Amino acid sequence: MRRTSRYPVSGANSLWHVYKTVPFWKVVRNFIVIQLARYTPFLGLKNWLYRTFLRMKIGDQTSFALMVMLDVMFPEKISVGRNTVIGYNTTILAHEYLIKEYRLGDVKIGSEVMIGANSTILPGIEIGDGAIVSAGTLVHKDVPAGTFVGGNPMRIIYTKDEMDRRMKEDEGHN
């Protein structure tokens, strides 16, 4: 289940209320930093930009591939553990602006996680340590540690026990 806080609005849809929920200049700064980071091939520079200007918690040796799109409004609600790979063109959201409400939720990505290209992670999600998210996955619910998930809708492809068994089998064939 996603952990989001709900904020009702009246009148126009919640996106019309955006600058009541987040300062305009914060969005401008975040947009510029995120766009610079999306195109730079220097992983250390990306992590420095994210930590310094977006107040994100990023573990050592974590890699954000080219074109990763972070939440422009609330990037500080995203944390990523150490030695994790976020694949090309992945989108990580910490907000949803809906018709009658907007929602905010922390996104917690563990250590040694692999997220495949073109995935989308919704607000309020936790991805456990050692999990693998297949390319093109819509992550709409938590991913337990060590599991392999994929698809839209996302489903568990291999549990942690099945993954451990497969890894042992692969080691035996080398």
C-alpha atoms as a PDB file:
ATOM      1  CA  MET A   1       0.000   0.000   0.000  1.00  0.00           C
ATOM      2  CA  ARG A   2       1.279   3.477  -0.820  1.00  0.00           C
ATOM      3  CA  ARG A   3       1.830   5.883   2.065  1.00  0.00           C
ATOM      4  CA  THR A   4       0.609   9.294   0.946  1.00  0.00           C
ATOM      5  CA  SER A   5      -0.889  12.259   2.723  1.00  0.00           C
ATOM      6  CA  ARG A   6      -4.028  13.650   1.080  1.00  0.00           C
ATOM      7  CA  TYR A   7      -4.830  17.348   0.775  1.00  0.00           C
ATOM      8  CA  PRO A   8      -8.313  18.199  -0.564  1.00  0.00           C
ATOM      9  CA  VAL A   9      -8.875  21.255  -2.768  1.00  0.00           C
ATOM     10  CA  SER A  10     -12.027  23.019  -3.854  1.00  0.00           C
ATOM     11  CA  GLY A  11     -12.885  24.718  -7.109  1.00  0.00           C
ATOM     12  CA  ALA A  12     -10.371  24.074  -9.874  1.00  0.00           C
ATOM     13  CA  ASN A  13      -8.326  20.844  -9.996  1.00  0.00           C
ATOM     14  CA  SER A  14      -5.377  20.594  -7.632  1.00  0.00           C
ATOM     15  CA  LEU A  15      -2.757  21.508 -10.243  1.00  0.00           C
ATOM     16  CA  TRP A  16      -4.318  24.990 -10.425  1.00  0.00           C
ATOM     17  CA  HIS A  17      -3.387  25.267  -6.725  1.00  0.00           C
ATOM     18  CA  VAL A  18       0.232  24.221  -7.278  1.00  0.00           C
ATOM     19  CA  TYR A  19       1.916  27.415  -6.074  1.00  0.00           C
ATOM     20  CA  LYS A  20      -0.135  27.330  -2.878  1.00  0.00           C
ATOM     21  CA  THR A  21       1.488  23.945  -2.197  1.00  0.00           C
ATOM     22  CA  VAL A  22       5.089  24.622  -3.279  1.00  0.00           C
ATOM     23  CA  PRO A  23       6.969  27.916  -3.802  1.00  0.00           C
ATOM     24  CA  PHE A  24       7.434  28.980  -7.431  1.00  0.00           C
ATOM     25  CA  TRP A  25      11.168  29.692  -7.060  1.00  0.00           C
ATOM     26  CA  LYS A  26      11.766  26.294  -5.456  1.00  0.00           C
ATOM     27  CA  VAL A  27      10.231  24.654  -8.539  1.00  0.00           C
ATOM     28  CA  VAL A  28      12.363  26.812 -10.869  1.00  0.00           C
ATOM     29  CA  ARG A  29      15.580  25.929  -8.977  1.00  0.00           C
ATOM     30  CA  ASN A  30      14.675  22.229  -8.832  1.00  0.00           C
ATOM     31  CA  PHE A  31      13.824  22.165 -12.543  1.00  0.00           C
ATOM     32  CA  ILE A  32      17.191  23.681 -13.502  1.00  0.00           C
ATOM     33  CA  VAL A  33      19.165  21.314 -11.237  1.00  0.00           C
ATOM     34  CA  ILE A  34      17.259  18.245 -12.440  1.00  0.00           C
ATOM     35  CA  GLN A  35      17.678  19.190 -16.107  1.00  0.00           C
ATOM     36  CA  LEU A  36      21.439  19.723 -15.641  1.00  0.00           C
ATOM     37  CA  ALA A  37      21.744  16.364 -13.890  1.00  0.00           C
ATOM     38  CA  ARG A  38      19.642  14.523 -16.489  1.00  0.00           C
ATOM     39  CA  TYR A  39      22.199  15.295 -19.195  1.00  0.00           C
ATOM     40  CA  THR A  40      25.495  15.063 -17.329  1.00  0.00           C
ATOM     41  CA  PRO A  41      27.404  11.791 -17.658  1.00  0.00           C
ATOM     42  CA  PHE A  42      29.297  12.435 -14.387  1.00  0.00           C
ATOM     43  CA  LEU A  43      27.696  10.292 -11.676  1.00  0.00           C
ATOM     44  CA  GLY A  44      29.494  11.996  -8.787  1.00  0.00           C
ATOM     45  CA  LEU A  45      28.364  15.407 -10.017  1.00  0.00           C
ATOM     46  CA  LYS A  46      24.744  14.244 -10.262  1.00  0.00           C
ATOM     47  CA  ASN A  47      24.782  12.952  -6.685  1.00  0.00           C
ATOM     48  CA  TRP A  48      26.391  16.183  -5.456  1.00  0.00           C
ATOM     49  CA  LEU A  49      23.745  18.269  -7.238  1.00  0.00           C
ATOM     50  CA  TYR A  50      20.935  16.139  -5.787  1.00  0.00           C
ATOM     51  CA  ARG A  51      22.328  16.210  -2.241  1.00  0.00           C
ATOM     52  CA  THR A  52      23.326  19.886  -2.255  1.00  0.00           C
ATOM     53  CA  PHE A  53      20.479  21.614  -4.081  1.00  0.00           C
ATOM     54  CA  LEU A  54      17.564  19.171  -3.804  1.00  0.00           C
ATOM     55  CA  ARG A  55      18.253  17.961  -0.230  1.00  0.00           C
ATOM     56  CA  MET A  56      17.919  14.329  -1.293  1.00  0.00           C
ATOM     57  CA  LYS A  57      19.471  11.486   0.681  1.00  0.00           C
ATOM     58  CA  ILE A  58      21.671   9.561  -1.765  1.00  0.00           C
ATOM     59  CA  GLY A  59      23.947   6.679  -0.704  1.00  0.00           C
ATOM     60  CA  ASP A  60      27.547   6.282  -1.811  1.00  0.00           C
ATOM     61  CA  GLN A  61      28.185   4.821  -5.272  1.00  0.00           C
ATOM     62  CA  THR A  62      24.544   5.161  -6.325  1.00  0.00           C
ATOM     63  CA  SER A  63      24.158   5.708 -10.068  1.00  0.00           C
ATOM     64  CA  PHE A  64      21.442   7.713 -11.799  1.00  0.00           C
ATOM     65  CA  ALA A  65      21.525   6.999 -15.539  1.00  0.00           C
ATOM     66  CA  LEU A  66      20.985   9.653 -18.189  1.00  0.00           C
ATOM     67  CA  MET A  67      17.525  11.223 -18.392  1.00  0.00           C
ATOM     68  CA  VAL A  68      16.274  10.138 -14.952  1.00  0.00           C
ATOM     69  CA  MET A  69      13.404  12.482 -14.054  1.00  0.00           C
ATOM     70  CA  LEU A  70      13.017  13.259 -10.374  1.00  0.00           C
ATOM     71  CA  ASP A  71      10.001  14.889  -8.773  1.00  0.00           C
ATOM     72  CA  VAL A  72      10.372  18.606  -9.538  1.00  0.00           C
ATOM     73  CA  MET A  73       8.088  19.740  -6.715  1.00  0.00           C
ATOM     74  CA  PHE A  74       9.289  17.616  -3.783  1.00  0.00           C
ATOM     75  CA  PRO A  75      12.618  15.881  -4.571  1.00  0.00           C
ATOM     76  CA  GLU A  76      13.587  16.053  -0.883  1.00  0.00           C
ATOM     77  CA  LYS A  77      10.994  13.314  -0.284  1.00  0.00           C
ATOM     78  CA  ILE A  78      13.117  10.851  -2.323  1.00  0.00           C
ATOM     79  CA  SER A  79      15.882   8.807  -0.683  1.00  0.00           C
ATOM     80  CA  VAL A  80      18.103   6.186  -2.294  1.00  0.00           C
ATOM     81  CA  GLY A  81      20.485   3.793  -0.533  1.00  0.00           C
ATOM     82  CA  ARG A  82      24.049   2.938  -1.484  1.00  0.00           C
ATOM     83  CA  ASN A  83      25.258   1.207  -4.654  1.00  0.00           C
ATOM     84  CA  THR A  84      21.861   1.401  -6.362  1.00  0.00           C
ATOM     85  CA  VAL A  85      21.298   1.833 -10.111  1.00  0.00           C
ATOM     86  CA  ILE A  86      18.389   3.933 -11.387  1.00  0.00           C
ATOM     87  CA  GLY A  87      17.944   3.126 -15.095  1.00  0.00           C
ATOM     88  CA  TYR A  88      17.683   5.413 -18.106  1.00  0.00           C
ATOM     89  CA  ASN A  89      14.615   7.662 -18.302  1.00  0.00           C
ATOM     90  CA  THR A  90      13.118   6.444 -15.024  1.00  0.00           C
ATOM     91  CA  THR A  91      10.615   8.803 -13.359  1.00  0.00           C
ATOM     92  CA  ILE A  92      10.408   9.038  -9.560  1.00  0.00           C
ATOM     93  CA  LEU A  93       7.386  10.934  -8.217  1.00  0.00           C
ATOM     94  CA  ALA A  94       6.709  12.138  -4.667  1.00  0.00           C
ATOM     95  CA  HIS A  95       3.479  13.979  -5.535  1.00  0.00           C
ATOM     96  CA  GLU A  96       0.230  13.490  -7.428  1.00  0.00           C
ATOM     97  CA  TYR A  97      -2.000  16.379  -8.423  1.00  0.00           C
ATOM     98  CA  LEU A  98      -5.518  14.991  -8.933  1.00  0.00           C
ATOM     99  CA  ILE A  99      -8.904  16.597  -9.573  1.00  0.00           C
ATOM    100  CA  LYS A 100     -10.190  17.023  -6.019  1.00  0.00           C
ATOM    101  CA  GLU A 101      -6.958  16.574  -4.031  1.00  0.00           C
ATOM    102  CA  TYR A 102      -3.211  16.332  -4.191  1.00  0.00           C
ATOM    103  CA  ARG A 103      -1.118  13.682  -2.481  1.00  0.00           C
ATOM    104  CA  LEU A 104       2.440  13.670  -1.165  1.00  0.00           C
ATOM    105  CA  GLY A 105       4.471  10.630  -0.170  1.00  0.00           C
ATOM    106  CA  ASP A 106       8.075   9.730   0.579  1.00  0.00           C
ATOM    107  CA  VAL A 107       9.824   7.389  -1.847  1.00  0.00           C
ATOM    108  CA  LYS A 108      12.399   5.134  -0.205  1.00  0.00           C
ATOM    109  CA  ILE A 109      14.659   3.090  -2.450  1.00  0.00           C
ATOM    110  CA  GLY A 110      17.001   0.722  -0.629  1.00  0.00           C
ATOM    111  CA  SER A 111      20.637  -0.244  -1.155  1.00  0.00           C
ATOM    112  CA  GLU A 112      21.865  -2.393  -4.031  1.00  0.00           C
ATOM    113  CA  VAL A 113      18.575  -1.985  -5.897  1.00  0.00           C
ATOM    114  CA  MET A 114      18.432  -2.224  -9.687  1.00  0.00           C
ATOM    115  CA  ILE A 115      15.689  -0.218 -11.408  1.00  0.00           C
ATOM    116  CA  GLY A 116      15.397  -0.869 -15.137  1.00  0.00           C
ATOM    117  CA  ALA A 117      15.039   1.808 -17.796  1.00  0.00           C
ATOM    118  CA  ASN A 118      11.759   3.632 -18.402  1.00  0.00           C
ATOM    119  CA  SER A 119      10.227   2.670 -15.060  1.00  0.00           C
ATOM    120  CA  THR A 120       7.901   4.943 -13.090  1.00  0.00           C
ATOM    121  CA  ILE A 121       7.848   4.981  -9.299  1.00  0.00           C
ATOM    122  CA  LEU A 122       4.763   6.506  -7.688  1.00  0.00           C
ATOM    123  CA  PRO A 123       4.635   8.473  -4.403  1.00  0.00           C
ATOM    124  CA  GLY A 124       4.626   6.660  -1.065  1.00  0.00           C
ATOM    125  CA  ILE A 125       6.543   3.602  -2.288  1.00  0.00           C
ATOM    126  CA  GLU A 126       9.306   1.643  -0.571  1.00  0.00           C
ATOM    127  CA  ILE A 127      11.648  -0.571  -2.563  1.00  0.00           C
ATOM    128  CA  GLY A 128      13.603  -2.931  -0.312  1.00  0.00           C
ATOM    129  CA  ASP A 129      17.332  -3.653  -0.363  1.00  0.00           C
ATOM    130  CA  GLY A 130      18.510  -5.875  -3.196  1.00  0.00           C
ATOM    131  CA  ALA A 131      15.276  -5.663  -5.179  1.00  0.00           C
ATOM    132  CA  ILE A 132      15.217  -5.689  -8.965  1.00  0.00           C
ATOM    133  CA  VAL A 133      12.624  -3.716 -10.936  1.00  0.00           C
ATOM    134  CA  SER A 134      12.333  -4.776 -14.577  1.00  0.00           C
ATOM    135  CA  ALA A 135      12.509  -2.144 -17.325  1.00  0.00           C
ATOM    136  CA  GLY A 136       9.235  -0.362 -18.080  1.00  0.00           C
ATOM    137  CA  THR A 137       7.607  -1.185 -14.741  1.00  0.00           C
ATOM    138  CA  LEU A 138       4.967   0.991 -13.074  1.00  0.00           C
ATOM    139  CA  VAL A 139       5.852   0.659  -9.376  1.00  0.00           C
ATOM    140  CA  HIS A 140       2.467   1.266  -7.748  1.00  0.00           C
ATOM    141  CA  LYS A 141       3.035  -0.695  -4.529  1.00  0.00           C
ATOM    142  CA  ASP A 142       5.932  -1.585  -2.246  1.00  0.00           C
ATOM    143  CA  VAL A 143       8.630  -3.962  -3.469  1.00  0.00           C
ATOM    144  CA  PRO A 144       9.887  -6.371  -0.785  1.00  0.00           C
ATOM    145  CA  ALA A 145      13.656  -6.698  -0.272  1.00  0.00           C
ATOM    146  CA  GLY A 146      15.363  -9.133  -2.637  1.00  0.00           C
ATOM    147  CA  THR A 147      12.413  -9.615  -4.977  1.00  0.00           C
ATOM    148  CA  PHE A 148      12.302  -9.264  -8.751  1.00  0.00           C
ATOM    149  CA  VAL A 149       9.240  -7.371 -10.027  1.00  0.00           C
ATOM    150  CA  GLY A 150       8.035  -6.162 -13.391  1.00  0.00           C
ATOM    151  CA  GLY A 151       5.178  -5.187 -15.633  1.00  0.00           C
ATOM    152  CA  ASN A 152       2.176  -2.912 -15.693  1.00  0.00           C
ATOM    153  CA  PRO A 153       0.490  -3.621 -13.433  1.00  0.00           C
ATOM    154  CA  MET A 154       3.577  -4.570 -11.473  1.00  0.00           C
ATOM    155  CA  ARG A 155       3.728  -8.119 -10.188  1.00  0.00           C
ATOM    156  CA  ILE A 156       6.293 -10.249  -8.392  1.00  0.00           C
ATOM    157  CA  ILE A 157       8.246 -12.328 -10.902  1.00  0.00           C
ATOM    158  CA  TYR A 158      10.547 -13.995  -8.345  1.00  0.00           C
ATOM    159  CA  THR A 159      10.337 -13.846  -4.549  1.00  0.00           C
ATOM    160  CA  LYS A 160      13.497 -13.356  -2.483  1.00  0.00           C
ATOM    161  CA  ASP A 161      13.707 -17.131  -1.846  1.00  0.00           C
ATOM    162  CA  GLU A 162      13.337 -17.885  -5.564  1.00  0.00           C
ATOM    163  CA  MET A 163      15.970 -15.248  -6.410  1.00  0.00           C
ATOM    164  CA  ASP A 164      18.386 -16.689  -3.832  1.00  0.00           C
ATOM    165  CA  ARG A 165      17.876 -20.188  -5.271  1.00  0.00           C
ATOM    166  CA  ARG A 166      18.455 -18.924  -8.840  1.00  0.00           C
ATOM    167  CA  MET A 167      21.642 -17.102  -7.798  1.00  0.00           C
ATOM    168  CA  LYS A 168      23.012 -20.290  -6.183  1.00  0.00           C
ATOM    169  CA  GLU A 169      22.177 -22.265  -9.332  1.00  0.00           C
ATOM    170  CA  ASP A 170      23.943 -19.653 -11.491  1.00  0.00           C
ATOM    171  CA  GLU A 171      27.046 -19.803  -9.257  1.00  0.00           C
ATOM    172  CA  GLY A 172      27.098 -23.580  -9.656  1.00  0.00           C
ATOM    173  CA  HIS A 173      27.163 -23.315 -13.460  1.00  0.00           C
ATOM    174  CA  ASN A 174      30.200 -20.995 -13.620  1.00  0.00           C
END
